[in-house]
């Protein structure tokens, strides 16, 4: 059983049309020594669909699924319970097949959903306006940096040492094309964020300061203090949030002076999904900055008959027209993931989100207290939401691998996130959500005690 859409006659007709005698003629620009001849060493020849399915099932059995073991991984991707109703609703035909509204007026359902999504994100972040989503949190972070440069006309970016290293790497990669100066750092294993050290790096050439909240070690920085210092120098404060459930329990970044708030929406409605696709969130606190905001923006209006309707607004800043003046090359949005986020958020409501956040924090406190009793383990954080860092006195990467072999997914080692930084090698980032049981916590503590002894 195989799928070959073109017949030999089809191929012959296509070659005749382009004026080629054979398929090989299409590759004359590729040097002969770079072309493959015969099977690739190490790769099997073609197989039937059923044989491939059996092979893939055998491979999948080698995986340890998140739901099949005590699970404490986080660091930007979180395992939360997604109600079955979310999946049911997003698979409705009018949602599942919708892509992006190139002819927005005939896609009123899609536009209304995106408008509601924007409203939810703006309220969650404590901001005035949110866009219709971006690809993921890391690219949203870079777009915020680029937006700050356009607003301030400056090119120096100060990154908090406690920003997720993957986000920082995306910023550095993109800055190669804009020649922005990136002033980065790495975190120190201390109980509270080094706000004063960060503030000391802000100067009169700084376009923005990028801070994560909660940060990569699970700590909660004082954003207002950083915002005031940035604004005193004419810079903007960009706040990155990778765990939106936290905002059901802690004060929003917009309320603490953040100018641009971005983040990853995966934790609400989307699921882990082997690392993607995920959902970038983007919002601004001051409406005057909206014209510099990247991505799509849905607005509410009325039609000629006075009926409520929805449109893509401020589209001239995108690639539709005036391409050379576009704010971004992000010209679409993560529509289906945004829908899942919005459906889940609607099902939760404000009370549900606060209750979910409280349960996450309660279980995380139980875990921190229990792990603190394990000989050789110390909890780093003074404060945290559902993720915290412990020090275990030895290479955490090796311990994580050993515990995984024993069926416990213990967390993310800082040595994996910051390779080459020996000062962080004994740090372990532990995430606890409502899917974690107290039995799981006890299993982790016992396994960690055994591994360390």
Protein backbone atom coordinates (compact mmCIF):
# COMPACT_ATOMS: atom_id res chain seq x y z
CA UNK A 1 0.00 0.00 0.00
CA UNK A 2 1.65 3.22 -1.11
CA UNK A 3 0.66 6.70 -2.20
CA UNK A 4 2.14 7.74 -5.55
CA UNK A 5 -0.03 10.52 -6.98
CA UNK A 6 1.78 10.76 -10.33
CA UNK A 7 1.85 8.13 -13.06
CA UNK A 8 4.72 7.64 -15.51
CA UNK A 9 2.57 9.39 -18.12
CA UNK A 10 2.10 12.37 -15.78
CA UNK A 11 5.83 12.63 -15.23
CA UNK A 12 6.51 12.36 -18.94
CA UNK A 13 4.06 15.15 -19.72
CA UNK A 14 5.62 17.41 -17.09
CA UNK A 15 9.15 16.78 -18.37
CA UNK A 16 8.04 17.51 -21.93
CA UNK A 17 6.42 20.74 -20.81
CA UNK A 18 9.61 22.03 -19.14
CA UNK A 19 11.85 20.76 -21.92
CA UNK A 20 13.76 18.11 -19.96
CA UNK A 21 14.57 14.62 -21.26
CA UNK A 22 14.69 13.00 -17.82
CA UNK A 23 14.31 13.79 -14.14
CA UNK A 24 18.10 13.83 -13.85
CA UNK A 25 18.16 16.87 -16.14
CA UNK A 26 16.37 18.82 -13.39
CA UNK A 27 19.39 18.41 -11.11
CA UNK A 28 22.22 19.44 -13.44
CA UNK A 29 23.02 22.43 -11.22
CA UNK A 30 23.84 20.10 -8.31
CA UNK A 31 27.48 18.93 -8.52
CA UNK A 32 27.71 15.23 -9.37
CA UNK A 33 29.74 14.47 -6.25
CA UNK A 34 26.95 15.90 -4.10
CA UNK A 35 24.25 13.70 -5.62
CA UNK A 36 23.16 10.40 -4.11
CA UNK A 37 23.40 7.22 -6.12
CA UNK A 38 21.66 4.17 -4.75
CA UNK A 39 20.30 3.65 -1.22
CA UNK A 40 21.55 5.82 1.65
CA UNK A 41 23.72 3.86 4.05
CA UNK A 42 21.91 3.14 7.28
CA UNK A 43 18.44 3.88 5.93
CA UNK A 44 16.05 1.07 5.00
CA UNK A 45 14.51 0.74 1.55
CA UNK A 46 10.82 1.49 1.04
CA UNK A 47 8.25 -0.59 2.92
CA UNK A 48 4.50 -1.03 2.91
CA UNK A 49 2.29 1.24 4.97
CA UNK A 50 1.42 -1.58 7.38
CA UNK A 51 5.09 -2.46 7.88
CA UNK A 52 5.95 1.17 8.58
CA UNK A 53 3.09 1.44 11.09
CA UNK A 54 4.33 -1.64 12.96
CA UNK A 55 7.87 -0.28 12.98
CA UNK A 56 6.73 3.09 14.31
CA UNK A 57 4.66 1.44 17.05
CA UNK A 58 7.71 -0.53 18.17
CA UNK A 59 9.72 2.68 18.31
CA UNK A 60 6.97 4.51 20.25
CA UNK A 61 7.06 1.86 22.97
CA UNK A 62 10.56 3.05 23.83
CA UNK A 63 9.13 6.42 24.89
CA UNK A 64 8.13 7.23 28.44
CA UNK A 65 4.96 9.26 28.04
CA UNK A 66 4.19 12.17 30.35
CA UNK A 67 1.06 10.47 31.67
CA UNK A 68 2.76 7.16 32.36
CA UNK A 69 5.20 8.32 35.04
CA UNK A 70 5.62 10.87 37.82
CA UNK A 71 6.22 13.98 35.72
CA UNK A 72 8.05 17.11 36.93
CA UNK A 73 9.33 18.66 33.70
CA UNK A 74 8.67 22.32 32.95
CA UNK A 75 11.12 25.03 31.85
CA UNK A 76 8.68 26.64 29.43
CA UNK A 77 6.39 23.71 28.53
CA UNK A 78 3.92 22.51 31.15
CA UNK A 79 1.68 19.50 31.53
CA UNK A 80 -1.82 20.64 32.47
CA UNK A 81 -5.14 18.87 32.17
CA UNK A 82 -6.94 19.89 28.98
CA UNK A 83 -10.69 19.10 29.14
CA UNK A 84 -11.99 16.79 26.42
CA UNK A 85 -14.47 19.50 25.43
CA UNK A 86 -11.58 21.65 24.14
CA UNK A 87 -10.57 19.03 21.59
CA UNK A 88 -14.21 18.42 20.65
CA UNK A 89 -14.88 22.09 19.94
CA UNK A 90 -11.71 22.83 17.96
CA UNK A 91 -12.48 19.86 15.68
CA UNK A 92 -15.74 21.35 14.50
CA UNK A 93 -15.47 21.75 10.76
CA UNK A 94 -15.79 25.53 10.72
CA UNK A 95 -12.80 25.79 13.05
CA UNK A 96 -10.60 22.88 12.01
CA UNK A 97 -10.43 23.82 8.33
CA UNK A 98 -10.10 27.57 8.82
CA UNK A 99 -6.58 28.86 8.23
CA UNK A 100 -6.05 32.58 8.25
CA UNK A 101 -8.62 35.12 7.08
CA UNK A 102 -7.23 36.49 3.83
CA UNK A 103 -10.79 37.58 3.03
CA UNK A 104 -11.72 38.50 6.60
CA UNK A 105 -15.24 39.76 6.03
CA UNK A 106 -16.46 36.27 5.08
CA UNK A 107 -14.74 34.65 8.08
CA UNK A 108 -16.79 36.29 10.81
CA UNK A 109 -16.70 33.24 13.11
CA UNK A 110 -12.91 33.04 12.94
CA UNK A 111 -12.54 36.77 13.47
CA UNK A 112 -14.91 36.80 16.43
CA UNK A 113 -12.97 33.96 18.05
CA UNK A 114 -9.70 35.84 17.57
CA UNK A 115 -11.26 39.02 18.97
CA UNK A 116 -12.36 37.13 22.09
CA UNK A 117 -8.89 35.55 22.33
CA UNK A 118 -7.27 38.98 22.17
CA UNK A 119 -9.58 40.24 24.91
CA UNK A 120 -8.65 37.30 27.16
CA UNK A 121 -4.89 37.75 26.63
CA UNK A 122 -5.08 41.51 27.22
CA UNK A 123 -6.89 40.99 30.51
CA UNK A 124 -4.57 38.17 31.57
CA UNK A 125 -1.48 40.31 30.90
CA UNK A 126 -2.92 43.54 32.34
CA UNK A 127 -2.55 45.29 28.99
CA UNK A 128 -4.69 47.44 26.70
CA UNK A 129 -4.33 45.51 23.43
CA UNK A 130 -3.23 42.01 22.42
CA UNK A 131 -2.72 40.65 18.93
CA UNK A 132 -4.25 37.55 17.35
CA UNK A 133 -1.28 35.37 18.43
CA UNK A 134 2.19 34.55 17.14
CA UNK A 135 4.10 31.37 16.45
CA UNK A 136 5.48 30.75 19.95
CA UNK A 137 6.86 32.51 22.99
CA UNK A 138 10.46 32.75 21.82
CA UNK A 139 9.69 34.41 18.48
CA UNK A 140 7.21 36.71 20.23
CA UNK A 141 10.09 37.72 22.52
CA UNK A 142 12.24 38.72 19.55
CA UNK A 143 9.37 40.62 17.92
CA UNK A 144 8.97 42.60 21.14
CA UNK A 145 12.68 43.48 21.07
CA UNK A 146 12.40 44.62 17.45
CA UNK A 147 9.29 46.64 18.30
CA UNK A 148 11.10 48.38 21.18
CA UNK A 149 13.91 49.37 18.82
CA UNK A 150 11.40 50.95 16.43
CA UNK A 151 9.77 52.92 19.25
CA UNK A 152 12.90 54.12 21.05
CA UNK A 153 15.19 54.42 17.99
CA UNK A 154 17.88 52.64 20.02
CA UNK A 155 19.73 49.38 19.46
CA UNK A 156 20.99 48.08 22.81
CA UNK A 157 19.03 45.26 24.45
CA UNK A 158 19.55 44.23 28.08
CA UNK A 159 18.56 40.61 28.75
CA UNK A 160 18.01 39.35 32.27
CA UNK A 161 20.32 36.50 33.15
CA UNK A 162 17.21 34.61 34.30
CA UNK A 163 15.54 34.74 30.87
CA UNK A 164 14.95 31.29 29.37
CA UNK A 165 18.17 30.52 27.44
CA UNK A 166 16.24 29.37 24.36
CA UNK A 167 14.43 32.71 24.21
CA UNK A 168 17.74 34.54 24.65
CA UNK A 169 19.27 32.49 21.85
CA UNK A 170 16.43 33.39 19.46
CA UNK A 171 17.01 37.07 20.27
CA UNK A 172 20.75 36.74 19.61
CA UNK A 173 20.15 34.89 16.36
CA UNK A 174 17.73 37.47 14.98
CA UNK A 175 19.86 40.37 16.18
CA UNK A 176 22.57 39.25 13.75
CA UNK A 177 20.39 40.62 10.97
CA UNK A 178 19.51 43.90 12.68
CA UNK A 179 22.88 44.58 14.31
CA UNK A 180 21.26 45.23 17.69
CA UNK A 181 23.68 44.98 20.61
CA UNK A 182 22.60 42.22 22.99
CA UNK A 183 23.79 42.60 26.58
CA UNK A 184 23.06 39.22 28.12
CA UNK A 185 24.06 37.31 31.23
CA UNK A 186 23.51 33.97 32.92
CA UNK A 187 21.67 33.39 36.19
CA UNK A 188 23.30 32.98 39.56
CA UNK A 189 21.98 30.28 41.89
CA UNK A 190 20.65 32.61 44.53
CA UNK A 191 17.29 32.71 46.28
CA UNK A 192 16.09 36.02 44.82
CA UNK A 193 16.59 37.64 41.40
CA UNK A 194 19.45 40.15 41.15
CA UNK A 195 17.34 43.18 40.26
CA UNK A 196 20.06 45.66 41.18
CA UNK A 197 22.60 43.94 38.98
CA UNK A 198 20.14 44.05 36.09
CA UNK A 199 19.27 47.70 36.68
CA UNK A 200 22.97 48.61 36.73
CA UNK A 201 23.28 47.44 33.13
CA UNK A 202 20.60 49.85 31.84
CA UNK A 203 22.00 53.02 30.24
CA UNK A 204 20.91 55.88 27.98
CA UNK A 205 21.40 53.76 24.83
CA UNK A 206 19.19 50.90 26.01
CA UNK A 207 16.06 50.26 23.93
CA UNK A 208 14.55 47.65 26.23
CA UNK A 209 15.07 45.38 29.20
CA UNK A 210 13.80 41.80 28.87
CA UNK A 211 12.77 40.01 32.08
CA UNK A 212 11.05 36.66 32.61
CA UNK A 213 8.21 36.35 35.16
CA UNK A 214 8.34 33.83 36.85
CA UNK A 215 11.97 33.51 35.74
CA UNK A 216 13.85 30.45 34.53
CA UNK A 217 14.60 29.43 38.14
CA UNK A 218 10.95 29.87 39.15
CA UNK A 219 11.55 33.12 41.08
CA UNK A 220 9.27 36.16 40.96
CA UNK A 221 11.15 39.41 40.32
CA UNK A 222 9.86 42.83 41.41
CA UNK A 223 8.82 44.12 38.00
CA UNK A 224 7.80 47.59 39.15
CA UNK A 225 11.32 48.29 40.37
CA UNK A 226 12.78 47.29 37.01
CA UNK A 227 10.10 49.18 35.07
CA UNK A 228 10.84 52.40 36.96
CA UNK A 229 14.57 52.06 36.32
CA UNK A 230 14.04 51.34 32.61
CA UNK A 231 11.64 54.24 32.16
CA UNK A 232 14.07 56.61 33.91
CA UNK A 233 16.54 55.84 31.10
CA UNK A 234 13.94 56.07 28.33
CA UNK A 235 13.88 52.30 27.78
CA UNK A 236 10.92 49.93 27.61
CA UNK A 237 10.31 46.93 29.85
CA UNK A 238 9.49 43.67 28.06
CA UNK A 239 8.19 40.90 30.29
CA UNK A 240 8.20 37.25 29.17
CA UNK A 241 5.77 34.78 30.75
CA UNK A 242 6.08 31.08 29.90
CA UNK A 243 3.45 29.82 32.39
CA UNK A 244 0.16 31.72 31.89
CA UNK A 245 -1.57 29.79 34.69
CA UNK A 246 0.67 31.73 37.10
CA UNK A 247 -1.23 34.90 36.22
CA UNK A 248 -4.26 33.46 37.97
CA UNK A 249 -2.33 33.90 41.23
CA UNK A 250 0.22 36.70 40.83
CA UNK A 251 -0.08 40.33 39.78
CA UNK A 252 -0.04 40.80 36.01
CA UNK A 253 3.04 42.32 34.32
CA UNK A 254 1.00 45.19 32.87
CA UNK A 255 -0.10 46.22 36.36
CA UNK A 256 3.57 46.42 37.36
CA UNK A 257 4.66 48.75 34.59
CA UNK A 258 5.60 46.39 31.75
CA UNK A 259 5.33 48.10 28.36
CA UNK A 260 5.21 44.92 26.25
CA UNK A 261 4.20 41.52 27.60
CA UNK A 262 4.85 38.37 25.58
CA UNK A 263 4.81 34.71 26.35
CA UNK A 264 3.93 31.13 25.61
CA UNK A 265 0.26 30.13 25.75
CA UNK A 266 0.83 26.36 25.53
CA UNK A 267 -0.11 25.71 29.15
CA UNK A 268 -3.76 26.64 28.53
CA UNK A 269 -5.60 24.39 26.12
CA UNK A 270 -2.73 23.22 23.96
CA UNK A 271 -0.88 20.34 25.64
CA UNK A 272 2.77 19.33 25.36
CA UNK A 273 2.49 17.89 21.82
CA UNK A 274 6.13 16.76 21.54
CA UNK A 275 7.23 20.40 21.62
CA UNK A 276 4.82 22.05 19.19
CA UNK A 277 2.97 23.62 17.59
CA UNK A 278 2.67 26.15 20.40
CA UNK A 279 1.16 29.59 20.80
CA UNK A 280 2.85 32.98 21.07
CA UNK A 281 1.06 35.67 23.07
CA UNK A 282 1.77 39.39 22.57
CA UNK A 283 0.25 42.48 24.22
CA UNK A 284 1.04 46.15 24.83
CA UNK A 285 0.07 48.25 27.84
CA UNK A 286 -0.12 51.64 26.11
CA UNK A 287 -2.53 51.91 23.13
CA UNK A 288 -0.21 54.44 21.48
CA UNK A 289 2.19 51.59 20.70
CA UNK A 290 -0.38 49.49 18.87
CA UNK A 291 0.74 50.60 15.39
CA UNK A 292 4.19 49.18 16.06
CA UNK A 293 2.81 45.84 17.25
CA UNK A 294 3.52 42.88 14.92
CA UNK A 295 1.07 40.24 13.80
CA UNK A 296 -2.62 40.30 13.06
CA UNK A 297 -5.09 42.39 15.00
CA UNK A 298 -8.86 41.86 14.94
CA UNK A 299 -11.20 44.72 15.68
CA UNK A 300 -14.92 45.06 16.40
CA UNK A 301 -17.07 47.33 14.23
CA UNK A 302 -20.57 47.63 12.78
CA UNK A 303 -21.67 47.01 9.20
CA UNK A 304 -23.77 49.23 6.94
CA UNK A 305 -26.90 47.98 8.70
CA UNK A 306 -25.54 48.72 12.14
CA UNK A 307 -24.93 45.03 13.01
CA UNK A 308 -21.91 43.97 15.05
CA UNK A 309 -19.05 42.68 12.93
CA UNK A 310 -15.31 41.96 13.00
CA UNK A 311 -12.45 42.98 10.74
CA UNK A 312 -8.69 42.78 10.49
CA UNK A 313 -7.59 46.24 11.49
CA UNK A 314 -4.42 48.31 10.93
CA UNK A 315 -3.50 45.84 8.19
CA UNK A 316 -1.33 48.35 6.36
CA UNK A 317 1.46 47.64 8.83
CA UNK A 318 1.67 44.06 7.57
CA UNK A 319 2.69 42.47 4.30
CA UNK A 320 -0.71 42.92 2.68
CA UNK A 321 0.51 46.26 1.30
CA UNK A 322 3.45 48.60 1.96
CA UNK A 323 5.60 45.53 2.45
CA UNK A 324 8.81 47.46 2.99
CA UNK A 325 7.22 49.24 5.96
CA UNK A 326 5.79 46.11 7.59
CA UNK A 327 6.45 45.81 11.32
CA UNK A 328 7.27 42.12 11.07
CA UNK A 329 7.57 39.12 8.80
CA UNK A 330 4.99 37.40 11.00
CA UNK A 331 2.01 37.64 8.68
CA UNK A 332 -0.16 34.86 10.09
CA UNK A 333 -1.15 33.54 13.51
CA UNK A 334 -1.45 30.22 15.36
CA UNK A 335 -5.19 30.12 14.78
CA UNK A 336 -6.06 26.60 15.96
CA UNK A 337 -3.86 26.81 19.07
CA UNK A 338 -5.33 30.24 19.83
CA UNK A 339 -8.79 28.70 19.55
CA UNK A 340 -7.84 25.91 21.97
CA UNK A 341 -6.46 28.51 24.40
CA UNK A 342 -9.62 30.60 24.15
CA UNK A 343 -11.96 27.63 24.59
CA UNK A 344 -10.07 26.38 27.66
CA UNK A 345 -9.89 29.88 29.13
CA UNK A 346 -13.63 30.34 28.57
CA UNK A 347 -14.39 27.04 30.29
CA UNK A 348 -12.25 28.05 33.26
CA UNK A 349 -13.46 31.62 33.63
CA UNK A 350 -11.81 33.94 36.13
CA UNK A 351 -12.78 31.87 39.17
CA UNK A 352 -11.65 28.65 37.51
CA UNK A 353 -8.28 30.09 36.53
CA UNK A 354 -7.69 31.37 40.06
CA UNK A 355 -8.68 27.98 41.51
CA UNK A 356 -6.38 26.18 39.05
CA UNK A 357 -3.50 28.48 39.95
CA UNK A 358 -4.10 27.97 43.68
CA UNK A 359 -4.02 24.18 43.26
CA UNK A 360 -0.77 24.38 41.28
CA UNK A 361 0.85 26.47 43.99
CA UNK A 362 -0.47 24.25 46.80
CA UNK A 363 1.02 21.11 45.27
CA UNK A 364 4.29 22.89 44.45
CA UNK A 365 4.63 23.92 48.10
CA UNK A 366 4.08 20.33 49.20
CA UNK A 367 6.76 19.19 46.75
CA UNK A 368 9.26 21.85 47.86
CA UNK A 369 8.75 21.00 51.53
CA UNK A 370 9.14 17.27 50.86
CA UNK A 371 12.25 17.61 48.69
CA UNK A 372 13.86 19.89 51.27
CA UNK A 373 13.83 16.90 53.64
CA UNK A 374 15.90 14.75 51.25
CA UNK A 375 19.54 14.61 52.45
CA UNK A 376 21.75 16.64 50.13
CA UNK A 377 18.88 18.65 48.63
CA UNK A 378 18.26 22.35 49.25
CA UNK A 379 15.46 24.48 47.83
CA UNK A 380 16.80 27.65 46.24
CA UNK A 381 13.70 29.84 45.98
CA UNK A 382 12.31 32.30 48.48
CA UNK A 383 9.13 32.46 46.40
CA UNK A 384 7.72 30.58 43.41
CA UNK A 385 4.47 29.67 41.66
CA UNK A 386 4.48 26.04 40.47
CA UNK A 387 8.15 25.69 39.55
CA UNK A 388 11.24 25.95 41.71
CA UNK A 389 14.93 25.11 41.70
CA UNK A 390 16.70 22.67 44.00
CA UNK A 391 20.40 22.09 44.41
CA UNK A 392 21.43 18.48 44.77
CA UNK A 393 25.20 18.74 45.29
CA UNK A 394 26.18 16.77 42.19
CA UNK A 395 25.72 16.75 38.42
CA UNK A 396 21.96 17.02 37.95
CA UNK A 397 22.08 15.75 34.37
CA UNK A 398 23.34 12.36 35.47
CA UNK A 399 20.76 12.16 38.24
CA UNK A 400 17.92 13.06 35.87
CA UNK A 401 19.01 10.33 33.44
CA UNK A 402 19.21 7.75 36.23
CA UNK A 403 15.75 8.64 37.53
CA UNK A 404 14.31 8.52 34.01
CA UNK A 405 15.68 4.99 33.65
CA UNK A 406 13.82 4.20 36.88
CA UNK A 407 10.54 5.62 35.50
CA UNK A 408 10.57 9.07 37.14
CA UNK A 409 10.78 12.24 35.03
CA UNK A 410 12.38 14.32 37.75
CA UNK A 411 12.70 17.76 36.17
CA UNK A 412 15.03 19.72 33.91
CA UNK A 413 18.69 20.00 34.86
CA UNK A 414 20.20 23.47 34.61
CA UNK A 415 23.24 21.85 33.02
CA UNK A 416 21.03 20.97 30.08
CA UNK A 417 19.68 24.51 29.80
CA UNK A 418 23.06 26.17 30.36
CA UNK A 419 25.70 23.73 29.03
CA UNK A 420 29.24 24.62 29.99
CA UNK A 421 28.28 26.61 33.09
CA UNK A 422 29.68 24.46 35.89
CA UNK A 423 28.28 26.80 38.56
CA UNK A 424 24.76 25.68 37.59
CA UNK A 425 25.50 21.98 37.12
CA UNK A 426 23.92 20.84 40.40
CA UNK A 427 20.68 22.76 39.82
CA UNK A 428 17.43 20.94 39.06
CA UNK A 429 14.27 22.75 37.95
CA UNK A 430 11.14 21.02 39.26
CA UNK A 431 7.64 21.83 37.96
CA UNK A 432 4.42 20.75 39.67
CA UNK A 433 0.92 21.16 38.21
CA UNK A 434 -2.59 20.00 39.01
CA UNK A 435 -1.79 16.75 37.17
CA UNK A 436 0.77 15.89 39.87
CA UNK A 437 -0.40 13.79 42.79
CA UNK A 438 1.00 13.71 46.30
CA UNK A 439 1.94 10.10 45.58
CA UNK A 440 4.02 11.33 42.62
CA UNK A 441 5.78 13.79 44.91
CA UNK A 442 6.62 11.05 47.39
CA UNK A 443 7.89 8.84 44.56
CA UNK A 444 10.18 11.64 43.35
CA UNK A 445 11.52 12.30 46.84
CA UNK A 446 12.23 8.62 47.45
CA UNK A 447 13.85 8.15 44.03
CA UNK A 448 15.98 11.26 44.48
CA UNK A 449 17.09 10.12 47.93
CA UNK A 450 18.13 6.77 46.47
CA UNK A 451 19.98 8.35 43.55
CA UNK A 452 21.90 10.79 45.75
CA UNK A 453 22.93 8.16 48.26
